[in-house]
Amino acid sequence: METQEIFEKVIEIIKEYVKEPERLENVSMDTTIIQDLKVNSARLVDIIINSEDAFDIEIDDDDADEIKTVGDAVKVVERKLCVTQ
């Protein structure tokens, strides 16, 4: 799976938890999930769980702690997909 595909799928997952859709207009790999998109930390856990289901991977606590930006989420998914293939 290409990075752009993973990025788009991650955005689809995150979109459900963003209360202000206009915040998604200029989303990039550097966009912070909590600060820029205003997703609370409890919802970040939901995003991680949904990502595990969507990509059929397991994200452990250490990897989850790394996720601050959209790009971090994409990198964790890429790394996990490489391990499972």
PDB file of N, CA and C in Angstrom:
ATOM      1  N   MET A   1       0.853  -1.178   0.000  1.00  0.00           N
ATOM      2  CA  MET A   1       0.000   0.000   0.000  1.00  0.00           C
ATOM      3  C   MET A   1       0.898   1.240   0.000  1.00  0.00           C
ATOM      4  N   GLU A   2       0.596   2.177  -0.868  1.00  0.00           N
ATOM      5  CA  GLU A   2       1.386   3.401  -0.999  1.00  0.00           C
ATOM      6  C   GLU A   2       1.101   4.370   0.160  1.00  0.00           C
ATOM      7  N   THR A   3       2.074   5.229   0.428  1.00  0.00           N
ATOM      8  CA  THR A   3       1.941   6.210   1.507  1.00  0.00           C
ATOM      9  C   THR A   3       0.701   7.081   1.325  1.00  0.00           C
ATOM     10  N   GLN A   4       0.436   7.520   0.093  1.00  0.00           N
ATOM     11  CA  GLN A   4      -0.727   8.381  -0.162  1.00  0.00           C
ATOM     12  C   GLN A   4      -2.033   7.654   0.157  1.00  0.00           C
ATOM     13  N   GLU A   5      -2.099   6.367  -0.171  1.00  0.00           N
ATOM     14  CA  GLU A   5      -3.295   5.575   0.137  1.00  0.00           C
ATOM     15  C   GLU A   5      -3.502   5.472   1.649  1.00  0.00           C
ATOM     16  N   ILE A   6      -2.415   5.222   2.358  1.00  0.00           N
ATOM     17  CA  ILE A   6      -2.491   5.132   3.820  1.00  0.00           C
ATOM     18  C   ILE A   6      -2.926   6.476   4.393  1.00  0.00           C
ATOM     19  N   PHE A   7      -2.323   7.562   3.902  1.00  0.00           N
ATOM     20  CA  PHE A   7      -2.672   8.916   4.346  1.00  0.00           C
ATOM     21  C   PHE A   7      -4.175   9.158   4.181  1.00  0.00           C
ATOM     22  N   GLU A   8      -4.705   8.852   2.997  1.00  0.00           N
ATOM     23  CA  GLU A   8      -6.130   9.090   2.727  1.00  0.00           C
ATOM     24  C   GLU A   8      -7.019   8.255   3.638  1.00  0.00           C
ATOM     25  N   LYS A   9      -6.619   7.016   3.873  1.00  0.00           N
ATOM     26  CA  LYS A   9      -7.413   6.142   4.739  1.00  0.00           C
ATOM     27  C   LYS A   9      -7.363   6.626   6.191  1.00  0.00           C
ATOM     28  N   VAL A  10      -6.194   7.081   6.632  1.00  0.00           N
ATOM     29  CA  VAL A  10      -6.056   7.622   7.989  1.00  0.00           C
ATOM     30  C   VAL A  10      -6.943   8.855   8.145  1.00  0.00           C
ATOM     31  N   ILE A  11      -6.962   9.718   7.136  1.00  0.00           N
ATOM     32  CA  ILE A  11      -7.813  10.918   7.180  1.00  0.00           C
ATOM     33  C   ILE A  11      -9.283  10.521   7.268  1.00  0.00           C
ATOM     34  N   GLU A  12      -9.681   9.509   6.522  1.00  0.00           N
ATOM     35  CA  GLU A  12     -11.070   9.034   6.588  1.00  0.00           C
ATOM     36  C   GLU A  12     -11.421   8.582   8.003  1.00  0.00           C
ATOM     37  N   ILE A  13     -10.489   7.908   8.654  1.00  0.00           N
ATOM     38  CA  ILE A  13     -10.718   7.448  10.027  1.00  0.00           C
ATOM     39  C   ILE A  13     -10.802   8.639  10.980  1.00  0.00           C
ATOM     40  N   ILE A  14      -9.873   9.568  10.845  1.00  0.00           N
ATOM     41  CA  ILE A  14      -9.825  10.739  11.733  1.00  0.00           C
ATOM     42  C   ILE A  14     -11.041  11.637  11.544  1.00  0.00           C
ATOM     43  N   LYS A  15     -11.501  11.757  10.307  1.00  0.00           N
ATOM     44  CA  LYS A  15     -12.600  12.672   9.956  1.00  0.00           C
ATOM     45  C   LYS A  15     -13.813  12.504  10.869  1.00  0.00           C
ATOM     46  N   GLU A  16     -14.091  11.279  11.238  1.00  0.00           N
ATOM     47  CA  GLU A  16     -15.241  10.964  12.093  1.00  0.00           C
ATOM     48  C   GLU A  16     -15.165  11.667  13.459  1.00  0.00           C
ATOM     49  N   TYR A  17     -13.957  11.992  13.897  1.00  0.00           N
ATOM     50  CA  TYR A  17     -13.758  12.549  15.237  1.00  0.00           C
ATOM     51  C   TYR A  17     -13.450  14.046  15.245  1.00  0.00           C
ATOM     52  N   VAL A  18     -13.441  14.659  14.072  1.00  0.00           N
ATOM     53  CA  VAL A  18     -13.161  16.095  13.968  1.00  0.00           C
ATOM     54  C   VAL A  18     -14.484  16.839  13.960  1.00  0.00           C
ATOM     55  N   LYS A  19     -14.716  17.652  14.984  1.00  0.00           N
ATOM     56  CA  LYS A  19     -15.996  18.354  15.118  1.00  0.00           C
ATOM     57  C   LYS A  19     -16.113  19.557  14.188  1.00  0.00           C
ATOM     58  N   GLU A  20     -14.986  20.091  13.738  1.00  0.00           N
ATOM     59  CA  GLU A  20     -14.982  21.250  12.846  1.00  0.00           C
ATOM     60  C   GLU A  20     -14.372  20.831  11.504  1.00  0.00           C
ATOM     61  N   PRO A  21     -15.213  20.413  10.544  1.00  0.00           N
ATOM     62  CA  PRO A  21     -14.720  19.877   9.269  1.00  0.00           C
ATOM     63  C   PRO A  21     -13.747  20.795   8.524  1.00  0.00           C
ATOM     64  N   GLU A  22     -13.867  22.111   8.718  1.00  0.00           N
ATOM     65  CA  GLU A  22     -12.962  23.037   8.024  1.00  0.00           C
ATOM     66  C   GLU A  22     -11.505  22.821   8.449  1.00  0.00           C
ATOM     67  N   ARG A  23     -11.299  22.209   9.593  1.00  0.00           N
ATOM     68  CA  ARG A  23      -9.931  21.928  10.048  1.00  0.00           C
ATOM     69  C   ARG A  23      -9.251  20.885   9.159  1.00  0.00           C
ATOM     70  N   LEU A  24     -10.034  20.124   8.410  1.00  0.00           N
ATOM     71  CA  LEU A  24      -9.478  19.090   7.535  1.00  0.00           C
ATOM     72  C   LEU A  24      -9.096  19.624   6.154  1.00  0.00           C
ATOM     73  N   GLU A  25      -9.444  20.871   5.857  1.00  0.00           N
ATOM     74  CA  GLU A  25      -9.228  21.410   4.515  1.00  0.00           C
ATOM     75  C   GLU A  25      -7.767  21.419   4.090  1.00  0.00           C
ATOM     76  N   ASN A  26      -6.868  21.746   4.974  1.00  0.00           N
ATOM     77  CA  ASN A  26      -5.447  21.830   4.627  1.00  0.00           C
ATOM     78  C   ASN A  26      -4.610  20.823   5.404  1.00  0.00           C
ATOM     79  N   VAL A  27      -5.204  19.680   5.683  1.00  0.00           N
ATOM     80  CA  VAL A  27      -4.508  18.671   6.475  1.00  0.00           C
ATOM     81  C   VAL A  27      -3.285  18.157   5.704  1.00  0.00           C
ATOM     82  N   SER A  28      -2.204  17.945   6.453  1.00  0.00           N
ATOM     83  CA  SER A  28      -0.969  17.431   5.857  1.00  0.00           C
ATOM     84  C   SER A  28      -0.349  16.430   6.827  1.00  0.00           C
ATOM     85  N   MET A  29       0.795  15.903   6.444  1.00  0.00           N
ATOM     86  CA  MET A  29       1.504  14.964   7.309  1.00  0.00           C
ATOM     87  C   MET A  29       1.936  15.641   8.616  1.00  0.00           C
ATOM     88  N   ASP A  30       2.101  16.962   8.590  1.00  0.00           N
ATOM     89  CA  ASP A  30       2.549  17.704   9.775  1.00  0.00           C
ATOM     90  C   ASP A  30       1.411  18.163  10.679  1.00  0.00           C
ATOM     91  N   THR A  31       0.181  17.942  10.271  1.00  0.00           N
ATOM     92  CA  THR A  31      -0.975  18.365  11.061  1.00  0.00           C
ATOM     93  C   THR A  31      -1.034  17.563  12.360  1.00  0.00           C
ATOM     94  N   THR A  32      -1.094  18.270  13.487  1.00  0.00           N
ATOM     95  CA  THR A  32      -1.215  17.570  14.769  1.00  0.00           C
ATOM     96  C   THR A  32      -2.674  17.184  14.991  1.00  0.00           C
ATOM     97  N   ILE A  33      -2.857  15.987  15.488  1.00  0.00           N
ATOM     98  CA  ILE A  33      -4.215  15.459  15.645  1.00  0.00           C
ATOM     99  C   ILE A  33      -4.934  16.157  16.800  1.00  0.00           C
ATOM    100  N   ILE A  34      -4.268  16.309  17.924  1.00  0.00           N
ATOM    101  CA  ILE A  34      -4.922  16.907  19.092  1.00  0.00           C
ATOM    102  C   ILE A  34      -5.003  18.426  18.977  1.00  0.00           C
ATOM    103  N   GLN A  35      -3.886  19.088  18.656  1.00  0.00           N
ATOM    104  CA  GLN A  35      -3.887  20.553  18.626  1.00  0.00           C
ATOM    105  C   GLN A  35      -4.580  21.121  17.382  1.00  0.00           C
ATOM    106  N   ASP A  36      -4.155  20.697  16.198  1.00  0.00           N
ATOM    107  CA  ASP A  36      -4.694  21.290  14.965  1.00  0.00           C
ATOM    108  C   ASP A  36      -6.112  20.822  14.645  1.00  0.00           C
ATOM    109  N   LEU A  37      -6.365  19.538  14.839  1.00  0.00           N
ATOM    110  CA  LEU A  37      -7.680  18.996  14.485  1.00  0.00           C
ATOM    111  C   LEU A  37      -8.645  18.983  15.666  1.00  0.00           C
ATOM    112  N   LYS A  38      -8.138  19.332  16.846  1.00  0.00           N
ATOM    113  CA  LYS A  38      -8.964  19.425  18.060  1.00  0.00           C
ATOM    114  C   LYS A  38      -9.647  18.099  18.416  1.00  0.00           C
ATOM    115  N   VAL A  39      -8.919  17.005  18.239  1.00  0.00           N
ATOM    116  CA  VAL A  39      -9.413  15.694  18.639  1.00  0.00           C
ATOM    117  C   VAL A  39      -8.903  15.454  20.061  1.00  0.00           C
ATOM    118  N   ASN A  40      -9.789  15.067  20.975  1.00  0.00           N
ATOM    119  CA  ASN A  40      -9.315  14.852  22.349  1.00  0.00           C
ATOM    120  C   ASN A  40      -8.596  13.507  22.473  1.00  0.00           C
ATOM    121  N   SER A  41      -7.854  13.349  23.542  1.00  0.00           N
ATOM    122  CA  SER A  41      -7.002  12.168  23.687  1.00  0.00           C
ATOM    123  C   SER A  41      -7.803  10.868  23.765  1.00  0.00           C
ATOM    124  N   ALA A  42      -8.997  10.912  24.311  1.00  0.00           N
ATOM    125  CA  ALA A  42      -9.834   9.708  24.349  1.00  0.00           C
ATOM    126  C   ALA A  42     -10.220   9.289  22.936  1.00  0.00           C
ATOM    127  N   ARG A  43     -10.510  10.255  22.100  1.00  0.00           N
ATOM    128  CA  ARG A  43     -10.856   9.967  20.704  1.00  0.00           C
ATOM    129  C   ARG A  43      -9.640   9.490  19.913  1.00  0.00           C
ATOM    130  N   LEU A  44      -8.461   9.941  20.320  1.00  0.00           N
ATOM    131  CA  LEU A  44      -7.239   9.466  19.667  1.00  0.00           C
ATOM    132  C   LEU A  44      -7.103   7.957  19.857  1.00  0.00           C
ATOM    133  N   VAL A  45      -7.488   7.471  21.021  1.00  0.00           N
ATOM    134  CA  VAL A  45      -7.487   6.026  21.272  1.00  0.00           C
ATOM    135  C   VAL A  45      -8.456   5.339  20.310  1.00  0.00           C
ATOM    136  N   ASP A  46      -9.634   5.920  20.106  1.00  0.00           N
ATOM    137  CA  ASP A  46     -10.599   5.362  19.153  1.00  0.00           C
ATOM    138  C   ASP A  46     -10.025   5.344  17.738  1.00  0.00           C
ATOM    139  N   ILE A  47      -9.318   6.398  17.365  1.00  0.00           N
ATOM    140  CA  ILE A  47      -8.695   6.469  16.040  1.00  0.00           C
ATOM    141  C   ILE A  47      -7.677   5.340  15.885  1.00  0.00           C
ATOM    142  N   ILE A  48      -6.900   5.099  16.921  1.00  0.00           N
ATOM    143  CA  ILE A  48      -5.907   4.021  16.873  1.00  0.00           C
ATOM    144  C   ILE A  48      -6.591   2.668  16.730  1.00  0.00           C
ATOM    145  N   ILE A  49      -7.641   2.439  17.498  1.00  0.00           N
ATOM    146  CA  ILE A  49      -8.382   1.173  17.414  1.00  0.00           C
ATOM    147  C   ILE A  49      -8.990   1.002  16.023  1.00  0.00           C
ATOM    148  N   ASN A  50      -9.591   2.051  15.489  1.00  0.00           N
ATOM    149  CA  ASN A  50     -10.177   1.977  14.151  1.00  0.00           C
ATOM    150  C   ASN A  50      -9.110   1.751  13.089  1.00  0.00           C
ATOM    151  N   SER A  51      -7.934   2.327  13.287  1.00  0.00           N
ATOM    152  CA  SER A  51      -6.824   2.108  12.350  1.00  0.00           C
ATOM    153  C   SER A  51      -6.369   0.651  12.391  1.00  0.00           C
ATOM    154  N   GLU A  52      -6.320   0.084  13.581  1.00  0.00           N
ATOM    155  CA  GLU A  52      -5.960  -1.333  13.698  1.00  0.00           C
ATOM    156  C   GLU A  52      -6.926  -2.193  12.894  1.00  0.00           C
ATOM    157  N   ASP A  53      -8.211  -1.904  13.022  1.00  0.00           N
ATOM    158  CA  ASP A  53      -9.227  -2.668  12.294  1.00  0.00           C
ATOM    159  C   ASP A  53      -9.134  -2.429  10.790  1.00  0.00           C
ATOM    160  N   ALA A  54      -9.002  -1.179  10.392  1.00  0.00           N
ATOM    161  CA  ALA A  54      -9.000  -0.824   8.969  1.00  0.00           C
ATOM    162  C   ALA A  54      -7.796  -1.406   8.230  1.00  0.00           C
ATOM    163  N   PHE A  55      -6.648  -1.445   8.897  1.00  0.00           N
ATOM    164  CA  PHE A  55      -5.425  -1.914   8.245  1.00  0.00           C
ATOM    165  C   PHE A  55      -5.047  -3.336   8.659  1.00  0.00           C
ATOM    166  N   ASP A  56      -5.844  -3.944   9.542  1.00  0.00           N
ATOM    167  CA  ASP A  56      -5.589  -5.292  10.048  1.00  0.00           C
ATOM    168  C   ASP A  56      -4.179  -5.398  10.644  1.00  0.00           C
ATOM    169  N   ILE A  57      -3.897  -4.485  11.570  1.00  0.00           N
ATOM    170  CA  ILE A  57      -2.605  -4.440  12.253  1.00  0.00           C
ATOM    171  C   ILE A  57      -2.847  -4.308  13.751  1.00  0.00           C
ATOM    172  N   GLU A  58      -1.773  -4.438  14.521  1.00  0.00           N
ATOM    173  CA  GLU A  58      -1.852  -4.205  15.964  1.00  0.00           C
ATOM    174  C   GLU A  58      -0.868  -3.097  16.319  1.00  0.00           C
ATOM    175  N   ILE A  59      -1.370  -2.058  16.960  1.00  0.00           N
ATOM    176  CA  ILE A  59      -0.542  -0.921  17.361  1.00  0.00           C
ATOM    177  C   ILE A  59      -0.357  -1.000  18.872  1.00  0.00           C
ATOM    178  N   ASP A  60       0.869  -1.277  19.298  1.00  0.00           N
ATOM    179  CA  ASP A  60       1.120  -1.401  20.738  1.00  0.00           C
ATOM    180  C   ASP A  60       1.224  -0.021  21.388  1.00  0.00           C
ATOM    181  N   ASP A  61       1.300  -0.015  22.700  1.00  0.00           N
ATOM    182  CA  ASP A  61       1.303   1.249  23.450  1.00  0.00           C
ATOM    183  C   ASP A  61       2.469   2.157  23.077  1.00  0.00           C
ATOM    184  N   ASP A  62       3.650   1.577  22.863  1.00  0.00           N
ATOM    185  CA  ASP A  62       4.813   2.397  22.494  1.00  0.00           C
ATOM    186  C   ASP A  62       4.589   3.103  21.165  1.00  0.00           C
ATOM    187  N   ASP A  63       4.033   2.368  20.197  1.00  0.00           N
ATOM    188  CA  ASP A  63       3.737   2.979  18.895  1.00  0.00           C
ATOM    189  C   ASP A  63       2.632   4.022  19.027  1.00  0.00           C
ATOM    190  N   ALA A  64       1.626   3.726  19.823  1.00  0.00           N
ATOM    191  CA  ALA A  64       0.517   4.670  20.014  1.00  0.00           C
ATOM    192  C   ALA A  64       1.020   5.976  20.617  1.00  0.00           C
ATOM    193  N   ASP A  65       1.982   5.876  21.533  1.00  0.00           N
ATOM    194  CA  ASP A  65       2.543   7.078  22.162  1.00  0.00           C
ATOM    195  C   ASP A  65       3.279   7.971  21.169  1.00  0.00           C
ATOM    196  N   GLU A  66       3.745   7.391  20.054  1.00  0.00           N
ATOM    197  CA  GLU A  66       4.456   8.148  19.016  1.00  0.00           C
ATOM    198  C   GLU A  66       3.517   9.020  18.185  1.00  0.00           C
ATOM    199  N   ILE A  67       2.245   8.696  18.177  1.00  0.00           N
ATOM    200  CA  ILE A  67       1.305   9.343  17.259  1.00  0.00           C
ATOM    201  C   ILE A  67       0.872  10.703  17.789  1.00  0.00           C
ATOM    202  N   LYS A  68       1.433  11.723  17.186  1.00  0.00           N
ATOM    203  CA  LYS A  68       1.083  13.113  17.504  1.00  0.00           C
ATOM    204  C   LYS A  68       0.517  13.819  16.270  1.00  0.00           C
ATOM    205  N   THR A  69       1.055  13.475  15.098  1.00  0.00           N
ATOM    206  CA  THR A  69       0.624  14.101  13.847  1.00  0.00           C
ATOM    207  C   THR A  69       0.006  13.051  12.933  1.00  0.00           C
ATOM    208  N   VAL A  70      -0.628  13.520  11.881  1.00  0.00           N
ATOM    209  CA  VAL A  70      -1.167  12.609  10.870  1.00  0.00           C
ATOM    210  C   VAL A  70      -0.017  11.785  10.289  1.00  0.00           C
ATOM    211  N   GLY A  71       1.116  12.436  10.046  1.00  0.00           N
ATOM    212  CA  GLY A  71       2.283  11.741   9.507  1.00  0.00           C
ATOM    213  C   GLY A  71       2.791  10.649  10.430  1.00  0.00           C
ATOM    214  N   ASP A  72       2.751  10.897  11.733  1.00  0.00           N
ATOM    215  CA  ASP A  72       3.145   9.866  12.700  1.00  0.00           C
ATOM    216  C   ASP A  72       2.246   8.645  12.556  1.00  0.00           C
ATOM    217  N   ALA A  73       0.954   8.881  12.425  1.00  0.00           N
ATOM    218  CA  ALA A  73       0.002   7.776  12.270  1.00  0.00           C
ATOM    219  C   ALA A  73       0.298   6.996  10.994  1.00  0.00           C
ATOM    220  N   VAL A  74       0.560   7.716   9.913  1.00  0.00           N
ATOM    221  CA  VAL A  74       0.872   7.071   8.633  1.00  0.00           C
ATOM    222  C   VAL A  74       2.142   6.228   8.770  1.00  0.00           C
ATOM    223  N   LYS A  75       3.164   6.767   9.409  1.00  0.00           N
ATOM    224  CA  LYS A  75       4.435   6.040   9.569  1.00  0.00           C
ATOM    225  C   LYS A  75       4.260   4.777  10.401  1.00  0.00           C
ATOM    226  N   VAL A  76       3.477   4.867  11.471  1.00  0.00           N
ATOM    227  CA  VAL A  76       3.235   3.685  12.306  1.00  0.00           C
ATOM    228  C   VAL A  76       2.508   2.621  11.489  1.00  0.00           C
ATOM    229  N   VAL A  77       1.495   3.015  10.738  1.00  0.00           N
ATOM    230  CA  VAL A  77       0.757   2.056   9.905  1.00  0.00           C
ATOM    231  C   VAL A  77       1.695   1.435   8.871  1.00  0.00           C
ATOM    232  N   GLU A  78       2.490   2.255   8.199  1.00  0.00           N
ATOM    233  CA  GLU A  78       3.439   1.725   7.203  1.00  0.00           C
ATOM    234  C   GLU A  78       4.375   0.701   7.837  1.00  0.00           C
ATOM    235  N   ARG A  79       4.917   1.030   8.986  1.00  0.00           N
ATOM    236  CA  ARG A  79       5.845   0.135   9.674  1.00  0.00           C
ATOM    237  C   ARG A  79       5.157  -1.185  10.033  1.00  0.00           C
ATOM    238  N   LYS A  80       3.939  -1.098  10.536  1.00  0.00           N
ATOM    239  CA  LYS A  80       3.210  -2.307  10.929  1.00  0.00           C
ATOM    240  C   LYS A  80       2.833  -3.147   9.708  1.00  0.00           C
ATOM    241  N   LEU A  81       2.477  -2.492   8.615  1.00  0.00           N
ATOM    242  CA  LEU A  81       2.140  -3.231   7.396  1.00  0.00           C
ATOM    243  C   LEU A  81       3.359  -3.969   6.854  1.00  0.00           C
ATOM    244  N   CYS A  82       4.528  -3.373   6.951  1.00  0.00           N
ATOM    245  CA  CYS A  82       5.765  -4.023   6.495  1.00  0.00           C
ATOM    246  C   CYS A  82       6.079  -5.245   7.344  1.00  0.00           C
ATOM    247  N   VAL A  83       5.816  -5.149   8.635  1.00  0.00           N
ATOM    248  CA  VAL A  83       6.096  -6.251   9.552  1.00  0.00           C
ATOM    249  C   VAL A  83       5.154  -7.418   9.295  1.00  0.00           C
ATOM    250  N   THR A  84       3.896  -7.137   8.963  1.00  0.00           N
ATOM    251  CA  THR A  84       2.906  -8.204   8.808  1.00  0.00           C
ATOM    252  C   THR A  84       2.935  -8.851   7.428  1.00  0.00           C
ATOM    253  N   GLN A  85       3.650  -8.268   6.493  1.00  0.00           N
ATOM    254  CA  GLN A  85       3.678  -8.852   5.138  1.00  0.00           C
ATOM    255  C   GLN A  85       4.761  -9.882   4.994  1.00  0.00           C
TER     256      GLN A  85
END
